[in-house]
């Protein structure tokens, strides 16, 4: 299983954005990252600073971790593309039809964040049934 470090994840997004800006070839995964970064102009300046790789982002300071946010977007895209857990693709499509694809991903991200937090707090594996339950709550817009 691929388990990149915090620095590797951050470097991936920084390099993908840099390659895009320099009009270099990007891999399919980097292209997905670039598309997500384009949807988040608030992160553009940050991703152009090499020191961003070491910066801490804390809730206490009212900060969103841009690398975590982009990583969650990528994870959700992958889950939807392979319909894993089963049912997530249909839920995403229903949300995307009522909202827009980006906002649909943000709704799913809320559910993903909650089940990750619960799994960590309870020291248990991620609960796919709970994840889908939380997502389906959002589909009754």
Protein backbone atom coordinates (compact mmCIF):
# COMPACT_ATOMS: atom_id res chain seq x y z
CA UNK A 1 0.00 0.00 0.00
CA UNK A 2 1.28 3.45 -0.89
CA UNK A 3 1.63 5.61 2.21
CA UNK A 4 3.42 8.88 1.38
CA UNK A 5 4.83 11.12 4.10
CA UNK A 6 3.44 14.58 4.77
CA UNK A 7 6.40 16.08 2.89
CA UNK A 8 5.92 13.79 -0.12
CA UNK A 9 2.24 14.72 -0.42
CA UNK A 10 3.04 18.40 -0.18
CA UNK A 11 5.90 18.09 -2.67
CA UNK A 12 3.58 16.31 -5.11
CA UNK A 13 1.10 19.22 -5.15
CA UNK A 14 3.82 21.88 -5.30
CA UNK A 15 5.60 20.12 -8.17
CA UNK A 16 2.40 19.44 -10.11
CA UNK A 17 1.46 23.11 -9.90
CA UNK A 18 4.98 24.19 -10.83
CA UNK A 19 5.04 21.87 -13.87
CA UNK A 20 1.65 23.18 -15.00
CA UNK A 21 2.76 26.81 -14.65
CA UNK A 22 5.95 26.09 -16.58
CA UNK A 23 3.94 24.31 -19.29
CA UNK A 24 5.74 21.01 -18.68
CA UNK A 25 4.21 17.58 -19.17
CA UNK A 26 2.31 16.30 -16.16
CA UNK A 27 1.28 12.76 -15.31
CA UNK A 28 -2.42 11.83 -15.22
CA UNK A 29 -2.41 12.06 -11.40
CA UNK A 30 -0.63 15.42 -11.52
CA UNK A 31 -3.22 16.59 -14.03
CA UNK A 32 -5.99 15.67 -11.59
CA UNK A 33 -4.15 17.64 -8.89
CA UNK A 34 -3.74 20.65 -11.19
CA UNK A 35 -7.45 20.65 -12.00
CA UNK A 36 -8.24 20.66 -8.29
CA UNK A 37 -5.73 23.42 -7.62
CA UNK A 38 -7.31 25.50 -10.39
CA UNK A 39 -10.62 25.24 -8.52
CA UNK A 40 -8.91 26.65 -5.42
CA UNK A 41 -7.31 29.97 -6.39
CA UNK A 42 -6.82 30.72 -2.70
CA UNK A 43 -4.02 28.10 -2.72
CA UNK A 44 -2.15 29.29 -5.83
CA UNK A 45 0.21 31.71 -4.10
CA UNK A 46 0.95 29.24 -1.32
CA UNK A 47 1.85 26.46 -3.77
CA UNK A 48 4.39 28.76 -5.40
CA UNK A 49 6.37 29.05 -2.14
CA UNK A 50 8.84 26.23 -1.44
CA UNK A 51 8.64 26.89 2.32
CA UNK A 52 4.96 25.83 2.24
CA UNK A 53 6.17 22.25 2.50
CA UNK A 54 7.09 22.83 6.17
CA UNK A 55 4.29 25.16 7.24
CA UNK A 56 1.84 24.01 9.91
CA UNK A 57 -1.87 24.71 9.53
CA UNK A 58 -3.91 24.67 12.71
CA UNK A 59 -7.60 24.86 13.42
CA UNK A 60 -6.76 26.94 16.47
CA UNK A 61 -5.43 29.64 14.15
CA UNK A 62 -8.50 29.30 11.92
CA UNK A 63 -6.49 27.74 9.11
CA UNK A 64 -7.44 25.09 6.61
CA UNK A 65 -4.67 22.76 5.58
CA UNK A 66 -4.61 23.19 1.78
CA UNK A 67 -2.64 19.98 1.26
CA UNK A 68 -5.11 17.94 3.29
CA UNK A 69 -8.01 19.57 1.47
CA UNK A 70 -6.55 18.79 -1.96
CA UNK A 71 -5.64 15.26 -0.87
CA UNK A 72 -9.20 14.63 0.25
CA UNK A 73 -10.46 15.85 -3.12
CA UNK A 74 -8.14 13.36 -4.85
CA UNK A 75 -9.27 10.54 -2.57
CA UNK A 76 -12.93 11.28 -3.26
CA UNK A 77 -12.33 11.39 -7.03
CA UNK A 78 -10.69 7.97 -6.82
CA UNK A 79 -13.50 6.56 -4.66
CA UNK A 80 -16.14 7.83 -7.09
CA UNK A 81 -14.24 6.56 -10.15
CA UNK A 82 -14.16 2.99 -8.80
CA UNK A 83 -17.42 3.22 -6.79
CA UNK A 84 -15.69 2.23 -3.57
CA UNK A 85 -17.32 2.06 -1.15
CA UNK A 86 -20.18 0.78 -3.30
CA UNK A 87 -22.84 3.46 -3.64
CA UNK A 88 -20.56 6.49 -3.43
CA UNK A 89 -20.68 7.07 -7.19
CA UNK A 90 -24.48 7.25 -7.24
CA UNK A 91 -24.51 9.53 -4.20
CA UNK A 92 -21.91 11.81 -5.79
CA UNK A 93 -23.85 11.97 -9.07
CA UNK A 94 -27.03 12.86 -7.24
CA UNK A 95 -25.26 15.62 -5.30
CA UNK A 96 -23.48 16.89 -8.43
CA UNK A 97 -26.81 17.13 -10.27
CA UNK A 98 -28.35 19.21 -7.48
CA UNK A 99 -25.29 21.36 -6.77
CA UNK A 100 -22.16 21.32 -8.87
CA UNK A 101 -19.37 18.71 -8.96
CA UNK A 102 -17.01 20.73 -6.77
CA UNK A 103 -19.61 21.44 -4.11
CA UNK A 104 -20.68 17.78 -4.23
CA UNK A 105 -17.10 16.80 -3.43
CA UNK A 106 -17.07 19.26 -0.54
CA UNK A 107 -20.23 17.68 0.89
CA UNK A 108 -18.66 14.23 0.65
CA UNK A 109 -15.47 15.63 2.17
CA UNK A 110 -17.41 16.62 5.29
CA UNK A 111 -18.55 13.01 5.68
CA UNK A 112 -15.07 11.65 4.99
CA UNK A 113 -13.54 13.97 7.55
CA UNK A 114 -16.06 12.88 10.15
CA UNK A 115 -15.51 9.14 9.65
CA UNK A 116 -11.73 9.59 9.65
CA UNK A 117 -11.97 11.52 12.90
CA UNK A 118 -14.23 8.84 14.41
CA UNK A 119 -11.89 6.04 13.30
CA UNK A 120 -8.90 7.80 14.84
CA UNK A 121 -10.72 8.66 18.05
CA UNK A 122 -12.03 5.11 18.51
CA UNK A 123 -8.86 3.48 17.15
CA UNK A 124 -10.94 1.46 14.67
CA UNK A 125 -10.94 1.00 10.89
CA UNK A 126 -12.87 3.46 8.78
CA UNK A 127 -16.59 2.60 8.85
CA UNK A 128 -17.78 2.55 5.22
CA UNK A 129 -21.43 2.13 6.21
CA UNK A 130 -21.25 5.22 8.43
CA UNK A 131 -19.45 7.09 5.64
CA UNK A 132 -22.21 6.33 3.14
CA UNK A 133 -24.88 7.14 5.73
CA UNK A 134 -23.36 10.59 6.23
CA UNK A 135 -23.09 11.14 2.47
CA UNK A 136 -26.71 10.09 1.89
CA UNK A 137 -27.84 12.69 4.41
CA UNK A 138 -26.54 15.30 1.99
CA UNK A 139 -28.30 13.79 -1.02
CA UNK A 140 -31.72 14.81 0.27
CA UNK A 141 -30.97 18.45 -0.55
